[in-house]
C-alpha atoms as a PDB file:
ATOM      1  CA  MET A   1     -13.297   6.326   0.361  1.00  0.00           C
ATOM      2  CA  ALA A   2      -9.482   6.773   1.507  1.00  0.00           C
ATOM      3  CA  THR A   3      -8.261   6.937  -1.933  1.00  0.00           C
ATOM      4  CA  ASP A   4     -10.796   9.837  -2.844  1.00  0.00           C
ATOM      5  CA  ALA A   5      -9.793  11.668   0.499  1.00  0.00           C
ATOM      6  CA  VAL A   6      -5.993  11.167  -0.414  1.00  0.00           C
ATOM      7  CA  LYS A   7      -6.476  12.590  -3.764  1.00  0.00           C
ATOM      8  CA  SER A   8      -8.496  15.521  -3.000  1.00  0.00           C
ATOM      9  CA  GLN A   9      -6.094  16.581  -0.201  1.00  0.00           C
ATOM     10  CA  LEU A  10      -3.113  16.349  -2.689  1.00  0.00           C
ATOM     11  CA  ILE A  11      -4.976  18.326  -5.654  1.00  0.00           C
ATOM     12  CA  SER A  12      -6.338  20.860  -3.410  1.00  0.00           C
ATOM     13  CA  GLY A  13      -2.590  21.436  -2.159  1.00  0.00           C
ATOM     14  CA  GLY A  14      -1.960  22.161  -5.724  1.00  0.00           C
ATOM     15  CA  ILE A  15      -0.607  19.011  -6.995  1.00  0.00           C
ATOM     16  CA  PRO A  16      -1.865  18.641 -10.649  1.00  0.00           C
ATOM     17  CA  GLN A  17      -4.118  16.084 -11.137  1.00  0.00           C
ATOM     18  CA  GLU A  18      -2.300  13.710 -13.589  1.00  0.00           C
ATOM     19  CA  LEU A  19       0.733  13.418 -11.346  1.00  0.00           C
ATOM     20  CA  VAL A  20      -1.792  12.551  -8.140  1.00  0.00           C
ATOM     21  CA  ASP A  21      -3.411   9.901 -10.491  1.00  0.00           C
ATOM     22  CA  ARG A  22       0.206   8.339 -11.341  1.00  0.00           C
ATOM     23  CA  LEU A  23       1.329   8.385  -7.854  1.00  0.00           C
ATOM     24  CA  THR A  24      -1.799   6.466  -6.348  1.00  0.00           C
ATOM     25  CA  GLY A  25      -2.216   4.100  -9.309  1.00  0.00           C
ATOM     26  CA  ALA A  26       1.427   3.073  -9.340  1.00  0.00           C
ATOM     27  CA  PHE A  27       1.144   2.788  -5.242  1.00  0.00           C
ATOM     28  CA  ALA A  28      -1.765   0.620  -5.412  1.00  0.00           C
ATOM     29  CA  GLU A  29      -0.297  -1.571  -8.355  1.00  0.00           C
ATOM     30  CA  ALA A  30       2.793  -1.969  -6.124  1.00  0.00           C
ATOM     31  CA  ARG A  31       1.213  -2.931  -3.149  1.00  0.00           C
ATOM     32  CA  HIS A  32      -0.992  -5.406  -5.284  1.00  0.00           C
ATOM     33  CA  ASN A  33       1.728  -7.154  -6.558  1.00  0.00           C
ATOM     34  CA  HIS A  34       3.792  -7.264  -3.346  1.00  0.00           C
ATOM     35  CA  TYR A  35       0.908  -9.036  -1.760  1.00  0.00           C
ATOM     36  CA  LEU A  36       0.303 -11.330  -4.526  1.00  0.00           C
ATOM     37  CA  GLY A  37       3.867 -12.241  -4.685  1.00  0.00           C
ATOM     38  CA  GLY A  38       4.848 -10.539  -7.827  1.00  0.00           C
ATOM     39  CA  HIS A  39       8.176  -8.925  -6.549  1.00  0.00           C
ATOM     40  CA  ARG A  40       9.671  -7.792  -9.493  1.00  0.00           C
ATOM     41  CA  LEU A  41       6.594  -5.944 -10.571  1.00  0.00           C
ATOM     42  CA  ALA A  42       6.004  -4.285  -7.384  1.00  0.00           C
ATOM     43  CA  GLU A  43       9.681  -3.073  -8.007  1.00  0.00           C
ATOM     44  CA  VAL A  44       8.333  -1.434 -11.300  1.00  0.00           C
ATOM     45  CA  GLU A  45       5.477   0.003 -10.158  1.00  0.00           C
ATOM     46  CA  GLY A  46       7.602   1.332  -7.580  1.00  0.00           C
ATOM     47  CA  GLY A  47      10.292   3.138 -10.307  1.00  0.00           C
ATOM     48  CA  ARG A  48       6.605   4.301 -12.012  1.00  0.00           C
ATOM     49  CA  LEU A  49       5.574   6.107  -8.214  1.00  0.00           C
ATOM     50  CA  CYS A  50       8.936   7.546  -8.323  1.00  0.00           C
ATOM     51  CA  GLU A  51       8.936   9.343 -11.675  1.00  0.00           C
ATOM     52  CA  ALA A  52       5.471  10.816 -10.520  1.00  0.00           C
ATOM     53  CA  ALA A  53       6.716  11.687  -6.838  1.00  0.00           C
ATOM     54  CA  TYR A  54      10.016  13.530  -8.168  1.00  0.00           C
ATOM     55  CA  ARG A  55       7.835  15.642 -10.326  1.00  0.00           C
ATOM     56  CA  ILE A  56       5.562  16.547  -7.331  1.00  0.00           C
ATOM     57  CA  LEU A  57       8.839  17.831  -5.443  1.00  0.00           C
ATOM     58  CA  GLU A  58       9.928  19.343  -8.769  1.00  0.00           C
ATOM     59  CA  HIS A  59       6.484  21.047  -8.894  1.00  0.00           C
ATOM     60  CA  ILE A  60       6.538  22.150  -5.235  1.00  0.00           C
ATOM     61  CA  VAL A  61       9.616  23.846  -5.858  1.00  0.00           C
ATOM     62  CA  ASP A  62       9.278  25.427  -9.106  1.00  0.00           C
ATOM     63  CA  GLY A  63       6.049  25.662  -9.942  1.00  0.00           C
ATOM     64  CA  SER A  64       6.140  23.611 -12.773  1.00  0.00           C
ATOM     65  CA  TYR A  65       7.314  19.712 -14.025  1.00  0.00           C
ATOM     66  CA  THR A  66       8.658  17.917 -16.549  1.00  0.00           C
ATOM     67  CA  PRO A  67       6.426  16.431 -18.491  1.00  0.00           C
ATOM     68  CA  LEU A  68       5.465  12.624 -17.778  1.00  0.00           C
ATOM     69  CA  GLY A  69       7.253  10.615 -20.714  1.00  0.00           C
ATOM     70  CA  SER A  70      10.070  13.156 -20.819  1.00  0.00           C
ATOM     71  CA  TRP A  71      13.461  12.081 -19.355  1.00  0.00           C
ATOM     72  CA  LEU A  72      14.010  13.487 -15.726  1.00  0.00           C
ATOM     73  CA  ASP A  73      17.546  13.974 -14.835  1.00  0.00           C
ATOM     74  CA  VAL A  74      17.156  12.628 -11.269  1.00  0.00           C
ATOM     75  CA  GLY A  75      20.716  13.477  -9.705  1.00  0.00           C
ATOM     76  CA  LYS A  76      20.205  17.060 -11.330  1.00  0.00           C
ATOM     77  CA  LEU A  77      16.735  17.271  -9.624  1.00  0.00           C
ATOM     78  CA  THR A  78      18.064  15.977  -6.007  1.00  0.00           C
ATOM     79  CA  ARG A  79      20.688  18.436  -5.972  1.00  0.00           C
ATOM     80  CA  HIS A  80      18.521  21.674  -7.012  1.00  0.00           C
ATOM     81  CA  LEU A  81      16.052  20.299  -3.938  1.00  0.00           C
ATOM     82  CA  ALA A  82      19.047  20.190  -1.803  1.00  0.00           C
ATOM     83  CA  ASN A  83      20.175  23.447  -2.569  1.00  0.00           C
ATOM     84  CA  GLN A  84      17.027  25.147  -1.550  1.00  0.00           C
ATOM     85  CA  PRO A  85      17.269  27.771   1.102  1.00  0.00           C
ATOM     86  CA  VAL A  86      16.650  25.839   4.526  1.00  0.00           C
ATOM     87  CA  GLY A  87      13.044  27.091   5.353  1.00  0.00           C
ATOM     88  CA  SER A  88      11.750  28.206   2.201  1.00  0.00           C
ATOM     89  CA  VAL A  89      10.279  24.263   1.490  1.00  0.00           C
ATOM     90  CA  SER A  90      10.427  21.329   4.159  1.00  0.00           C
ATOM     91  CA  ASP A  91      13.102  19.477   5.128  1.00  0.00           C
ATOM     92  CA  SER A  92      11.345  16.625   3.658  1.00  0.00           C
ATOM     93  CA  VAL A  93      10.919  17.920   0.160  1.00  0.00           C
ATOM     94  CA  ARG A  94      14.533  19.249   0.099  1.00  0.00           C
ATOM     95  CA  ILE A  95      16.571  16.126   1.642  1.00  0.00           C
ATOM     96  CA  HIS A  96      14.587  13.345   2.828  1.00  0.00           C
ATOM     97  CA  LEU A  97      12.008  12.652   0.107  1.00  0.00           C
ATOM     98  CA  PRO A  98      14.352  12.901  -2.544  1.00  0.00           C
ATOM     99  CA  ARG A  99      16.958  10.251  -0.757  1.00  0.00           C
ATOM    100  CA  VAL A 100      14.558   7.559  -0.340  1.00  0.00           C
ATOM    101  CA  LEU A 101      12.926   7.853  -3.406  1.00  0.00           C
ATOM    102  CA  ARG A 102      16.453   7.222  -4.883  1.00  0.00           C
ATOM    103  CA  VAL A 103      16.374   3.993  -2.674  1.00  0.00           C
ATOM    104  CA  ILE A 104      13.558   2.502  -4.708  1.00  0.00           C
ATOM    105  CA  TYR A 105      14.581   4.154  -8.197  1.00  0.00           C
ATOM    106  CA  ASP A 106      17.725   2.684  -7.744  1.00  0.00           C
ATOM    107  CA  ILE A 107      16.537  -1.126  -6.720  1.00  0.00           C
ATOM    108  CA  ARG A 108      14.199  -0.845  -9.743  1.00  0.00           C
ATOM    109  CA  ASN A 109      17.095   0.237 -12.366  1.00  0.00           C
ATOM    110  CA  SER A 110      19.286  -2.626 -10.622  1.00  0.00           C
ATOM    111  CA  ARG A 111      16.394  -5.552 -10.045  1.00  0.00           C
ATOM    112  CA  ASP A 112      18.353  -8.148 -11.995  1.00  0.00           C
ATOM    113  CA  ALA A 113      21.809  -7.650 -10.311  1.00  0.00           C
ATOM    114  CA  ALA A 114      23.494 -10.524  -8.994  1.00  0.00           C
ATOM    115  CA  HIS A 115      22.922 -11.331  -5.171  1.00  0.00           C
ATOM    116  CA  LEU A 116      25.273 -12.862  -2.882  1.00  0.00           C
ATOM    117  CA  GLY A 117      24.303 -16.686  -1.984  1.00  0.00           C
ATOM    118  CA  ASP A 118      23.269 -15.725   1.387  1.00  0.00           C
ATOM    119  CA  GLY A 119      20.104 -18.094   1.394  1.00  0.00           C
ATOM    120  CA  ILE A 120      17.521 -14.999   1.227  1.00  0.00           C
ATOM    121  CA  ASP A 121      15.243 -14.453  -1.736  1.00  0.00           C
ATOM    122  CA  PRO A 122      16.425 -11.004  -3.295  1.00  0.00           C
ATOM    123  CA  ASN A 123      13.280 -10.574  -4.911  1.00  0.00           C
ATOM    124  CA  THR A 124      11.490 -10.660  -1.480  1.00  0.00           C
ATOM    125  CA  GLN A 125      14.213  -8.903   0.179  1.00  0.00           C
ATOM    126  CA  ASP A 126      14.173  -5.961  -2.439  1.00  0.00           C
ATOM    127  CA  SER A 127      10.080  -6.007  -2.664  1.00  0.00           C
ATOM    128  CA  SER A 128       9.830  -5.874   0.942  1.00  0.00           C
ATOM    129  CA  LEU A 129      11.923  -2.702   1.123  1.00  0.00           C
ATOM    130  CA  VAL A 130      10.780  -0.973  -1.900  1.00  0.00           C
ATOM    131  CA  ILE A 131       6.912  -1.190  -0.210  1.00  0.00           C
ATOM    132  CA  ALA A 132       8.130   0.048   3.248  1.00  0.00           C
ATOM    133  CA  CYS A 133       9.744   3.398   1.171  1.00  0.00           C
ATOM    134  CA  LEU A 134       6.626   3.447  -0.802  1.00  0.00           C
ATOM    135  CA  ASN A 135       4.443   3.518   2.522  1.00  0.00           C
ATOM    136  CA  TRP A 136       6.649   6.033   4.071  1.00  0.00           C
ATOM    137  CA  VAL A 137       6.819   8.448   0.636  1.00  0.00           C
ATOM    138  CA  MET A 138       3.056   8.024   0.766  1.00  0.00           C
ATOM    139  CA  ALA A 139       2.324   9.112   4.038  1.00  0.00           C
ATOM    140  CA  GLU A 140       4.992  11.761   4.213  1.00  0.00           C
ATOM    141  CA  LEU A 141       3.412  13.563   1.103  1.00  0.00           C
ATOM    142  CA  VAL A 142      -0.306  13.023   2.504  1.00  0.00           C
ATOM    143  CA  ARG A 143       1.521  14.609   5.706  1.00  0.00           C
ATOM    144  CA  LEU A 144       2.557  17.630   4.133  1.00  0.00           C
ATOM    145  CA  HIS A 145      -0.564  18.340   2.475  1.00  0.00           C
ATOM    146  CA  HIS A 146      -3.063  17.199   4.784  1.00  0.00           C
ATOM    147  CA  ASP A 147      -3.768  18.134   8.287  1.00  0.00           C
ATOM    148  CA  VAL A 148      -2.838  15.170  10.336  1.00  0.00           C
ATOM    149  CA  ASP A 149       0.096  13.798  11.814  1.00  0.00           C
ATOM    150  CA  ALA A 150       2.451  11.324  10.786  1.00  0.00           C
ATOM    151  CA  ASP A 151       0.648   7.895  12.393  1.00  0.00           C
ATOM    152  CA  GLU A 152      -2.689   9.303  10.832  1.00  0.00           C
ATOM    153  CA  ALA A 153      -0.961  10.108   7.598  1.00  0.00           C
ATOM    154  CA  ALA A 154       0.459   6.313   7.838  1.00  0.00           C
ATOM    155  CA  ALA A 155      -3.194   5.182   9.106  1.00  0.00           C
ATOM    156  CA  LEU A 156      -4.904   6.830   5.824  1.00  0.00           C
ATOM    157  CA  ILE A 157      -2.410   5.619   3.324  1.00  0.00           C
ATOM    158  CA  ASP A 158      -2.962   1.856   4.523  1.00  0.00           C
ATOM    159  CA  GLN A 159      -6.354   2.086   3.401  1.00  0.00           C
ATOM    160  CA  LEU A 160      -5.713   3.091  -0.059  1.00  0.00           C
ATOM    161  CA  VAL A 161      -5.279  -0.439  -1.065  1.00  0.00           C
ATOM    162  CA  GLU A 162      -8.099  -2.856  -0.863  1.00  0.00           C
ATOM    163  CA  ARG A 163      -6.127  -6.255  -1.486  1.00  0.00           C
ATOM    164  CA  ALA A 164      -6.955  -8.163  -4.316  1.00  0.00           C
ATOM    165  CA  VAL A 165      -8.198 -11.665  -3.490  1.00  0.00           C
ATOM    166  CA  PRO A 166      -8.400 -13.708  -6.873  1.00  0.00           C
ATOM    167  CA  VAL A 167     -10.233 -16.252  -4.956  1.00  0.00           C
ATOM    168  CA  ILE A 168     -13.216 -13.715  -4.038  1.00  0.00           C
ATOM    169  CA  GLN A 169     -15.679 -12.702  -6.262  1.00  0.00           C
ATOM    170  CA  ASP A 170     -18.025  -9.885  -6.198  1.00  0.00           C
ATOM    171  CA  PHE A 171     -21.339 -10.177  -6.883  1.00  0.00           C
ATOM    172  CA  ASP A 172     -23.860  -7.098  -6.556  1.00  0.00           C
ATOM    173  CA  GLY A 173     -21.410  -5.571  -3.987  1.00  0.00           C
ATOM    174  CA  VAL A 174     -21.444  -9.091  -1.810  1.00  0.00           C
ATOM    175  CA  PRO A 175     -18.082 -11.006  -1.530  1.00  0.00           C
ATOM    176  CA  ARG A 176     -17.924 -14.649  -2.136  1.00  0.00           C
ATOM    177  CA  VAL A 177     -15.132 -16.820  -1.573  1.00  0.00           C
ATOM    178  CA  LEU A 178     -14.968 -19.548  -4.248  1.00  0.00           C
ATOM    179  CA  ARG A 179     -12.305 -21.939  -2.210  1.00  0.00           C
ATOM    180  CA  ASP A 180     -13.875 -24.685  -0.184  1.00  0.00           C
ATOM    181  CA  LEU A 181     -12.179 -23.422   3.161  1.00  0.00           C
ATOM    182  CA  PRO A 182     -12.860 -23.960   7.018  1.00  0.00           C
ATOM    183  CA  ALA A 183     -14.853 -21.276   8.175  1.00  0.00           C
ATOM    184  CA  GLY A 184     -12.142 -19.481  10.061  1.00  0.00           C
ATOM    185  CA  ASP A 185     -10.005 -19.267   7.050  1.00  0.00           C
ATOM    186  CA  THR A 186     -13.173 -17.822   5.106  1.00  0.00           C
ATOM    187  CA  CYS A 187     -13.215 -15.350   7.571  1.00  0.00           C
ATOM    188  CA  LEU A 188      -9.748 -14.556   7.362  1.00  0.00           C
ATOM    189  CA  LEU A 189      -9.890 -13.918   3.928  1.00  0.00           C
ATOM    190  CA  LEU A 190     -12.418 -11.822   3.735  1.00  0.00           C
ATOM    191  CA  LEU A 191     -10.894  -9.716   6.593  1.00  0.00           C
ATOM    192  CA  TYR A 192      -7.536  -9.618   4.488  1.00  0.00           C
ATOM    193  CA  GLN A 193      -9.540  -8.089   1.560  1.00  0.00           C
ATOM    194  CA  HIS A 194     -11.383  -5.361   3.451  1.00  0.00           C
ATOM    195  CA  GLY A 195      -7.915  -4.350   4.493  1.00  0.00           C
ATOM    196  CA  SER A 196      -6.592  -2.446   7.908  1.00  0.00           C
ATOM    197  CA  LYS A 197     -10.090  -1.086   8.774  1.00  0.00           C
ATOM    198  CA  PRO A 198     -12.106  -2.747  11.314  1.00  0.00           C
ATOM    199  CA  MET A 199     -15.119  -4.565   9.789  1.00  0.00           C
ATOM    200  CA  PRO A 200     -18.227  -4.903  11.912  1.00  0.00           C
ATOM    201  CA  VAL A 201     -19.257  -8.328  12.860  1.00  0.00           C
ATOM    202  CA  ASP A 202     -22.383  -8.130  11.588  1.00  0.00           C
ATOM    203  CA  ASP A 203     -21.135  -7.200   8.228  1.00  0.00           C
ATOM    204  CA  LEU A 204     -19.180 -10.264   8.272  1.00  0.00           C
ATOM    205  CA  ARG A 205     -22.120 -12.689   9.385  1.00  0.00           C
ATOM    206  CA  ALA A 206     -24.107 -11.127   6.450  1.00  0.00           C
ATOM    207  CA  VAL A 207     -21.212 -12.133   3.908  1.00  0.00           C
ATOM    208  CA  VAL A 208     -20.032 -15.552   5.045  1.00  0.00           C
ATOM    209  CA  ARG A 209     -22.390 -18.736   4.110  1.00  0.00           C
ATOM    210  CA  PRO A 210     -25.215 -19.529   5.668  1.00  0.00           C
ATOM    211  CA  THR A 211     -23.790 -22.722   7.484  1.00  0.00           C
ATOM    212  CA  MET A 212     -21.079 -20.544   8.766  1.00  0.00           C
ATOM    213  CA  ARG A 213     -23.118 -17.791  10.832  1.00  0.00           C
ATOM    214  CA  GLY A 214     -24.214 -20.326  13.706  1.00  0.00           C
ATOM    215  CA  ASN A 215     -20.934 -20.601  15.144  1.00  0.00           C
ATOM    216  CA  LEU A 216     -19.383 -17.686  13.889  1.00  0.00           C
ATOM    217  CA  ASN A 217     -18.680 -16.115  17.259  1.00  0.00           C
ATOM    218  CA  ARG A 218     -16.645 -18.907  18.037  1.00  0.00           C
ATOM    219  CA  THR A 219     -14.872 -19.060  14.883  1.00  0.00           C
ATOM    220  CA  LEU A 220     -14.199 -15.120  15.282  1.00  0.00           C
ATOM    221  CA  GLN A 221     -13.045 -15.844  18.933  1.00  0.00           C
ATOM    222  CA  ARG A 222     -10.587 -18.521  17.675  1.00  0.00           C
ATOM    223  CA  LEU A 223      -9.125 -16.008  15.503  1.00  0.00           C
ATOM    224  CA  ASP A 224      -8.568 -13.387  18.191  1.00  0.00           C
ATOM    225  CA  ASP A 225      -6.818 -16.113  20.280  1.00  0.00           C
ATOM    226  CA  LEU A 226      -4.720 -17.043  17.553  1.00  0.00           C
ATOM    227  CA  ASN A 227      -3.625 -13.004  16.906  1.00  0.00           C
ATOM    228  CA  TYR A 228      -4.668 -13.670  13.434  1.00  0.00           C
ATOM    229  CA  ALA A 229      -7.679 -11.032  14.036  1.00  0.00           C
ATOM    230  CA  HIS A 230      -8.453  -8.382  16.834  1.00  0.00           C
ATOM    231  CA  MET A 231     -11.880  -7.915  17.927  1.00  0.00           C
ATOM    232  CA  ALA A 232     -13.110  -5.144  19.653  1.00  0.00           C
ATOM    233  CA  ASN A 233     -16.637  -3.072  20.119  1.00  0.00           C
ATOM    234  CA  GLY A 234     -18.562  -5.113  17.676  1.00  0.00           C
ATOM    235  CA  THR A 235     -15.473  -5.084  15.094  1.00  0.00           C
ATOM    236  CA  ILE A 236     -12.964  -7.215  14.112  1.00  0.00           C
ATOM    237  CA  ARG A 237      -9.960  -6.335  12.152  1.00  0.00           C
ATOM    238  CA  ILE A 238      -7.089  -8.506  10.379  1.00  0.00           C
ATOM    239  CA  THR A 239      -3.545  -8.554  12.389  1.00  0.00           C
ATOM    240  CA  ARG A 240      -0.130  -8.962  11.021  1.00  0.00           C
ATOM    241  CA  VAL A 241      -0.172 -12.362  11.814  1.00  0.00           C
ATOM    242  CA  GLY A 242      -3.076 -12.932  10.368  1.00  0.00           C
ATOM    243  CA  GLU A 243      -1.809 -11.129   6.755  1.00  0.00           C
ATOM    244  CA  ARG A 244       1.190 -13.220   7.083  1.00  0.00           C
ATOM    245  CA  ARG A 245      -0.736 -16.606   7.368  1.00  0.00           C
ATOM    246  CA  VAL A 246      -2.999 -15.564   4.205  1.00  0.00           C
ATOM    247  CA  GLU A 247       0.235 -15.014   2.119  1.00  0.00           C
ATOM    248  CA  GLN A 248       2.238 -17.706   3.642  1.00  0.00           C
ATOM    249  CA  GLU A 249      -0.599 -20.262   2.937  1.00  0.00           C
ATOM    250  CA  ARG A 250      -1.545 -18.710  -0.452  1.00  0.00           C
ATOM    251  CA  LEU A 251      -5.309 -18.714   0.652  1.00  0.00           C
ATOM    252  CA  ALA A 252      -5.608 -15.824  -1.634  1.00  0.00           C
ATOM    253  CA  ASP A 253      -4.683 -17.804  -4.863  1.00  0.00           C
ATOM    254  CA  ASP A 254      -6.867 -17.974  -7.796  1.00  0.00           C
ATOM    255  CA  LEU A 255      -8.732 -21.618  -8.119  1.00  0.00           C
END
């Protein structure tokens, strides 16, 4: 699993396991809440991830870190990281990661602040920025402790979260959509839960309802034609357009 691979690489790189567990757990919860519309909860979890990430940077530089649960002077630590000799650690550790973490931290701490009435939902706006920053932080930490380039690190991070879909229930490893939806939406939900990884068409055929299997190829081709999914080499994966449809139409909501 991608989660195990990421954890293993970070731990083998010398990062304490409790920090890795806090980091990956908060990341998964933040993205889970964001996908399901819990924008404030996503920002709170983003703050929890920052608490772990700051300590990881502290550990990289000092070999020790402020215990979880104890107050951490973020401003002081940021200055301490920036003052490390150039070349002694990565510029990401010295400068870039602390600055991005500060953005997340500040949004979390001021999430109840007033926003201008510009017609934009501040929760969605803030949460989207937090999630984008979290994705970058996680990918950068993986890149620093994993023999991959930035694009490969980002792809690995995208696989960390299996999206929770309340309307899908698992029965002995077989997912079942509990709402009466058309075949196309049913397939889209299953692909949404599967995440960014390509799914073999035969695997999808095995989990849809028997009445949907006869015309499955036509159903999937229509999803491809609508840019909701991409088919290639016997596999299919959801696109960003498909993800947006699931989220905007609230197809994943509970019964």
